[in-house]
Amino acid sequence: MSNPNAHDIKVLNGLIETTLDSADGYREAAEQTDDAHYRTLFQRRAAERQQIADDLSAAVRGLGGDPESDGSILAKAHRAFLDVKHALLRNDDSVVGSINAGEGFIAAKYDKALEDGGISATTRETIRRAHAAVKVEHDQMEALKHSLEGQRTEANPLFPH
């Protein structure tokens, strides 16, 4: 017998996978930076993304499905590439730029999921809440990226101290 929530489960599992990729990316970024402020920021973001993935996983279980438990192979390959790039460039700007690109990707995945006309209202609300948290973090990383592109001022709340 087929699960009537199969489409919702599939959409949520896609978001879980992407969100786990993001959490893993932040954990790696925290390990790669020498700046304590960035390390703390990236560790906090990893924990926040893990919590979002856990919340989405609970929704999948509530729909009678099995939540995704790992990120994607493609993301692992991308992070390996970024490890090499960062080793060559050896600066936090490259790490922040890579994270910002990932933030754009995850935000687009959530936008697409919200536009899916085949999901239930309950699942849409679950995604909307997760998307709101992702969007705030995306906007903050965008601000950090711009501050590192030559607009370093101590007025920026994300400026490293």
C-alpha atoms as a PDB file:
ATOM      1  CA  MET A   1       0.000   0.000   0.000  1.00  0.00           C
ATOM      2  CA  SER A   2       1.326   3.418  -0.955  1.00  0.00           C
ATOM      3  CA  ASN A   3       1.683   6.204   1.586  1.00  0.00           C
ATOM      4  CA  PRO A   4      -0.737   9.045   0.724  1.00  0.00           C
ATOM      5  CA  ASN A   5       1.903  11.454   2.062  1.00  0.00           C
ATOM      6  CA  ALA A   6       4.617  10.178  -0.286  1.00  0.00           C
ATOM      7  CA  HIS A   7       5.024  13.496  -2.139  1.00  0.00           C
ATOM      8  CA  ASP A   8       5.279  15.526   1.080  1.00  0.00           C
ATOM      9  CA  ILE A   9       7.822  13.028   2.444  1.00  0.00           C
ATOM     10  CA  LYS A  10       9.889  13.242  -0.753  1.00  0.00           C
ATOM     11  CA  VAL A  11       9.946  17.059  -0.679  1.00  0.00           C
ATOM     12  CA  LEU A  12      10.815  17.153   3.028  1.00  0.00           C
ATOM     13  CA  ASN A  13      13.553  14.541   2.595  1.00  0.00           C
ATOM     14  CA  GLY A  14      15.093  16.633  -0.186  1.00  0.00           C
ATOM     15  CA  LEU A  15      15.170  19.598   2.177  1.00  0.00           C
ATOM     16  CA  ILE A  16      16.586  17.465   4.992  1.00  0.00           C
ATOM     17  CA  GLU A  17      19.416  16.319   2.730  1.00  0.00           C
ATOM     18  CA  THR A  18      20.231  19.885   1.690  1.00  0.00           C
ATOM     19  CA  THR A  19      19.987  21.162   5.263  1.00  0.00           C
ATOM     20  CA  LEU A  20      22.317  18.396   6.503  1.00  0.00           C
ATOM     21  CA  ASP A  21      24.734  19.357   3.725  1.00  0.00           C
ATOM     22  CA  SER A  22      24.597  22.929   5.011  1.00  0.00           C
ATOM     23  CA  ALA A  23      25.216  21.850   8.617  1.00  0.00           C
ATOM     24  CA  ASP A  24      28.196  19.765   7.477  1.00  0.00           C
ATOM     25  CA  GLY A  25      29.519  22.709   5.461  1.00  0.00           C
ATOM     26  CA  TYR A  26      29.330  25.011   8.470  1.00  0.00           C
ATOM     27  CA  ARG A  27      31.101  22.420  10.649  1.00  0.00           C
ATOM     28  CA  GLU A  28      33.912  22.195   8.103  1.00  0.00           C
ATOM     29  CA  ALA A  29      34.115  25.979   7.815  1.00  0.00           C
ATOM     30  CA  ALA A  30      34.454  26.199  11.610  1.00  0.00           C
ATOM     31  CA  GLU A  31      37.360  23.770  11.448  1.00  0.00           C
ATOM     32  CA  GLN A  32      39.062  25.666   8.609  1.00  0.00           C
ATOM     33  CA  THR A  33      39.027  29.187  10.006  1.00  0.00           C
ATOM     34  CA  ASP A  34      41.672  30.538  12.328  1.00  0.00           C
ATOM     35  CA  ASP A  35      39.380  33.355  13.485  1.00  0.00           C
ATOM     36  CA  ALA A  36      37.652  32.516  16.791  1.00  0.00           C
ATOM     37  CA  HIS A  37      34.673  34.762  15.985  1.00  0.00           C
ATOM     38  CA  TYR A  38      34.064  32.972  12.688  1.00  0.00           C
ATOM     39  CA  ARG A  39      34.566  29.594  14.329  1.00  0.00           C
ATOM     40  CA  THR A  40      31.862  30.398  16.892  1.00  0.00           C
ATOM     41  CA  LEU A  41      29.553  31.783  14.204  1.00  0.00           C
ATOM     42  CA  PHE A  42      29.983  28.721  11.978  1.00  0.00           C
ATOM     43  CA  GLN A  43      29.551  26.280  14.882  1.00  0.00           C
ATOM     44  CA  ARG A  44      26.338  28.045  15.893  1.00  0.00           C
ATOM     45  CA  ARG A  45      25.080  27.897  12.306  1.00  0.00           C
ATOM     46  CA  ALA A  46      25.880  24.174  12.101  1.00  0.00           C
ATOM     47  CA  ALA A  47      23.830  23.570  15.247  1.00  0.00           C
ATOM     48  CA  GLU A  48      20.956  25.712  13.933  1.00  0.00           C
ATOM     49  CA  ARG A  49      20.916  23.819  10.632  1.00  0.00           C
ATOM     50  CA  GLN A  50      21.029  20.483  12.460  1.00  0.00           C
ATOM     51  CA  GLN A  51      17.992  21.593  14.491  1.00  0.00           C
ATOM     52  CA  ILE A  52      16.113  22.527  11.304  1.00  0.00           C
ATOM     53  CA  ALA A  53      16.943  19.104   9.828  1.00  0.00           C
ATOM     54  CA  ASP A  54      15.761  17.444  13.053  1.00  0.00           C
ATOM     55  CA  ASP A  55      12.477  19.372  12.911  1.00  0.00           C
ATOM     56  CA  LEU A  56      11.940  18.362   9.277  1.00  0.00           C
ATOM     57  CA  SER A  57      12.792  14.756  10.192  1.00  0.00           C
ATOM     58  CA  ALA A  58      10.118  14.799  12.891  1.00  0.00           C
ATOM     59  CA  ALA A  59       7.616  16.017  10.277  1.00  0.00           C
ATOM     60  CA  VAL A  60       8.581  13.139   7.955  1.00  0.00           C
ATOM     61  CA  ARG A  61       8.089  10.623  10.777  1.00  0.00           C
ATOM     62  CA  GLY A  62       4.734  12.259  11.544  1.00  0.00           C
ATOM     63  CA  LEU A  63       3.713  11.606   7.937  1.00  0.00           C
ATOM     64  CA  GLY A  64       4.657   7.938   8.280  1.00  0.00           C
ATOM     65  CA  GLY A  65       7.951   8.179   6.409  1.00  0.00           C
ATOM     66  CA  ASP A  66      11.606   7.521   7.045  1.00  0.00           C
ATOM     67  CA  PRO A  67      13.615  10.761   7.211  1.00  0.00           C
ATOM     68  CA  GLU A  68      16.825  11.232   5.264  1.00  0.00           C
ATOM     69  CA  SER A  69      19.759  10.798   7.606  1.00  0.00           C
ATOM     70  CA  ASP A  70      22.714  11.921   5.508  1.00  0.00           C
ATOM     71  CA  GLY A  71      23.727  14.685   3.148  1.00  0.00           C
ATOM     72  CA  SER A  72      24.337  14.219  -0.552  1.00  0.00           C
ATOM     73  CA  ILE A  73      27.385  12.741  -2.270  1.00  0.00           C
ATOM     74  CA  LEU A  74      27.540  15.815  -4.512  1.00  0.00           C
ATOM     75  CA  ALA A  75      27.860  18.115  -1.490  1.00  0.00           C
ATOM     76  CA  LYS A  76      30.667  16.002  -0.054  1.00  0.00           C
ATOM     77  CA  ALA A  77      32.544  16.292  -3.354  1.00  0.00           C
ATOM     78  CA  HIS A  78      31.923  20.050  -3.420  1.00  0.00           C
ATOM     79  CA  ARG A  79      33.286  20.445   0.125  1.00  0.00           C
ATOM     80  CA  ALA A  80      36.395  18.473  -0.829  1.00  0.00           C
ATOM     81  CA  PHE A  81      36.923  20.905  -3.707  1.00  0.00           C
ATOM     82  CA  LEU A  82      36.472  23.840  -1.326  1.00  0.00           C
ATOM     83  CA  ASP A  83      39.028  22.325   1.063  1.00  0.00           C
ATOM     84  CA  VAL A  84      41.583  22.421  -1.747  1.00  0.00           C
ATOM     85  CA  LYS A  85      40.564  25.947  -2.783  1.00  0.00           C
ATOM     86  CA  HIS A  86      40.792  27.221   0.792  1.00  0.00           C
ATOM     87  CA  ALA A  87      44.184  25.565   1.279  1.00  0.00           C
ATOM     88  CA  LEU A  88      45.442  27.390  -1.792  1.00  0.00           C
ATOM     89  CA  LEU A  89      43.927  30.772  -0.938  1.00  0.00           C
ATOM     90  CA  ARG A  90      44.294  30.518   2.853  1.00  0.00           C
ATOM     91  CA  ASN A  91      41.850  33.212   3.779  1.00  0.00           C
ATOM     92  CA  ASP A  92      38.484  33.515   5.458  1.00  0.00           C
ATOM     93  CA  ASP A  93      37.081  35.489   2.522  1.00  0.00           C
ATOM     94  CA  SER A  94      37.172  32.320   0.408  1.00  0.00           C
ATOM     95  CA  VAL A  95      35.403  30.323   3.138  1.00  0.00           C
ATOM     96  CA  VAL A  96      32.724  32.987   3.579  1.00  0.00           C
ATOM     97  CA  GLY A  97      32.267  33.265  -0.201  1.00  0.00           C
ATOM     98  CA  SER A  98      31.770  29.511  -0.460  1.00  0.00           C
ATOM     99  CA  ILE A  99      29.310  29.504   2.419  1.00  0.00           C
ATOM    100  CA  ASN A 100      27.400  32.367   0.867  1.00  0.00           C
ATOM    101  CA  ALA A 101      27.088  30.438  -2.409  1.00  0.00           C
ATOM    102  CA  GLY A 102      25.766  27.470  -0.435  1.00  0.00           C
ATOM    103  CA  GLU A 103      23.311  29.745   1.346  1.00  0.00           C
ATOM    104  CA  GLY A 104      21.929  30.852  -2.013  1.00  0.00           C
ATOM    105  CA  PHE A 105      21.525  27.227  -3.059  1.00  0.00           C
ATOM    106  CA  ILE A 106      19.674  26.179   0.100  1.00  0.00           C
ATOM    107  CA  ALA A 107      17.407  29.248  -0.038  1.00  0.00           C
ATOM    108  CA  ALA A 108      16.474  28.376  -3.633  1.00  0.00           C
ATOM    109  CA  LYS A 109      15.631  24.790  -2.603  1.00  0.00           C
ATOM    110  CA  TYR A 110      13.286  26.060   0.107  1.00  0.00           C
ATOM    111  CA  ASP A 111      11.714  28.574  -2.304  1.00  0.00           C
ATOM    112  CA  LYS A 112      11.060  25.791  -4.811  1.00  0.00           C
ATOM    113  CA  ALA A 113       9.538  23.553  -2.137  1.00  0.00           C
ATOM    114  CA  LEU A 114       7.198  26.352  -1.044  1.00  0.00           C
ATOM    115  CA  GLU A 115       6.054  26.792  -4.656  1.00  0.00           C
ATOM    116  CA  ASP A 116       5.192  23.084  -4.963  1.00  0.00           C
ATOM    117  CA  GLY A 117       1.419  22.918  -5.427  1.00  0.00           C
ATOM    118  CA  GLY A 118       1.336  19.215  -4.568  1.00  0.00           C
ATOM    119  CA  ILE A 119       2.272  19.486  -0.892  1.00  0.00           C
ATOM    120  CA  SER A 120      -0.239  19.645   1.937  1.00  0.00           C
ATOM    121  CA  ALA A 121      -0.951  22.817   3.891  1.00  0.00           C
ATOM    122  CA  THR A 122       0.634  21.295   7.000  1.00  0.00           C
ATOM    123  CA  THR A 123       3.844  20.447   5.164  1.00  0.00           C
ATOM    124  CA  ARG A 124       3.895  23.878   3.537  1.00  0.00           C
ATOM    125  CA  GLU A 125       3.712  25.481   7.001  1.00  0.00           C
ATOM    126  CA  THR A 126       6.551  23.244   8.257  1.00  0.00           C
ATOM    127  CA  ILE A 127       8.664  24.287   5.269  1.00  0.00           C
ATOM    128  CA  ARG A 128       7.703  27.950   5.704  1.00  0.00           C
ATOM    129  CA  ARG A 129       8.960  27.946   9.321  1.00  0.00           C
ATOM    130  CA  ALA A 130      12.234  26.277   8.334  1.00  0.00           C
ATOM    131  CA  HIS A 131      12.601  28.652   5.377  1.00  0.00           C
ATOM    132  CA  ALA A 132      12.198  31.688   7.652  1.00  0.00           C
ATOM    133  CA  ALA A 133      15.161  30.530   9.769  1.00  0.00           C
ATOM    134  CA  VAL A 134      17.253  29.747   6.678  1.00  0.00           C
ATOM    135  CA  LYS A 135      16.448  33.150   5.154  1.00  0.00           C
ATOM    136  CA  VAL A 136      17.615  35.071   8.234  1.00  0.00           C
ATOM    137  CA  GLU A 137      20.893  33.156   8.198  1.00  0.00           C
ATOM    138  CA  HIS A 138      21.264  33.657   4.431  1.00  0.00           C
ATOM    139  CA  ASP A 139      20.796  37.407   4.787  1.00  0.00           C
ATOM    140  CA  GLN A 140      23.382  37.544   7.587  1.00  0.00           C
ATOM    141  CA  MET A 141      25.946  35.617   5.542  1.00  0.00           C
ATOM    142  CA  GLU A 142      25.291  37.925   2.596  1.00  0.00           C
ATOM    143  CA  ALA A 143      25.991  40.908   4.862  1.00  0.00           C
ATOM    144  CA  LEU A 144      29.188  39.273   6.091  1.00  0.00           C
ATOM    145  CA  LYS A 145      30.315  38.564   2.534  1.00  0.00           C
ATOM    146  CA  HIS A 146      29.778  42.193   1.560  1.00  0.00           C
ATOM    147  CA  SER A 147      31.621  43.419   4.639  1.00  0.00           C
ATOM    148  CA  LEU A 148      34.587  41.286   3.624  1.00  0.00           C
ATOM    149  CA  GLU A 149      34.514  42.661   0.094  1.00  0.00           C
ATOM    150  CA  GLY A 150      36.026  45.932   1.212  1.00  0.00           C
ATOM    151  CA  GLN A 151      33.302  47.331   3.413  1.00  0.00           C
ATOM    152  CA  ARG A 152      34.784  46.256   6.727  1.00  0.00           C
ATOM    153  CA  THR A 153      33.355  48.441   9.421  1.00  0.00           C
ATOM    154  CA  GLU A 154      32.849  47.799  13.081  1.00  0.00           C
ATOM    155  CA  ALA A 155      29.211  48.890  12.674  1.00  0.00           C
ATOM    156  CA  ASN A 156      28.488  45.558  10.969  1.00  0.00           C
ATOM    157  CA  PRO A 157      27.219  43.122  13.648  1.00  0.00           C
ATOM    158  CA  LEU A 158      29.084  40.290  11.919  1.00  0.00           C
ATOM    159  CA  PHE A 159      32.436  42.085  11.810  1.00  0.00           C
ATOM    160  CA  PRO A 160      35.067  39.848  13.423  1.00  0.00           C
ATOM    161  CA  HIS A 161      36.537  41.198  16.656  1.00  0.00           C
END
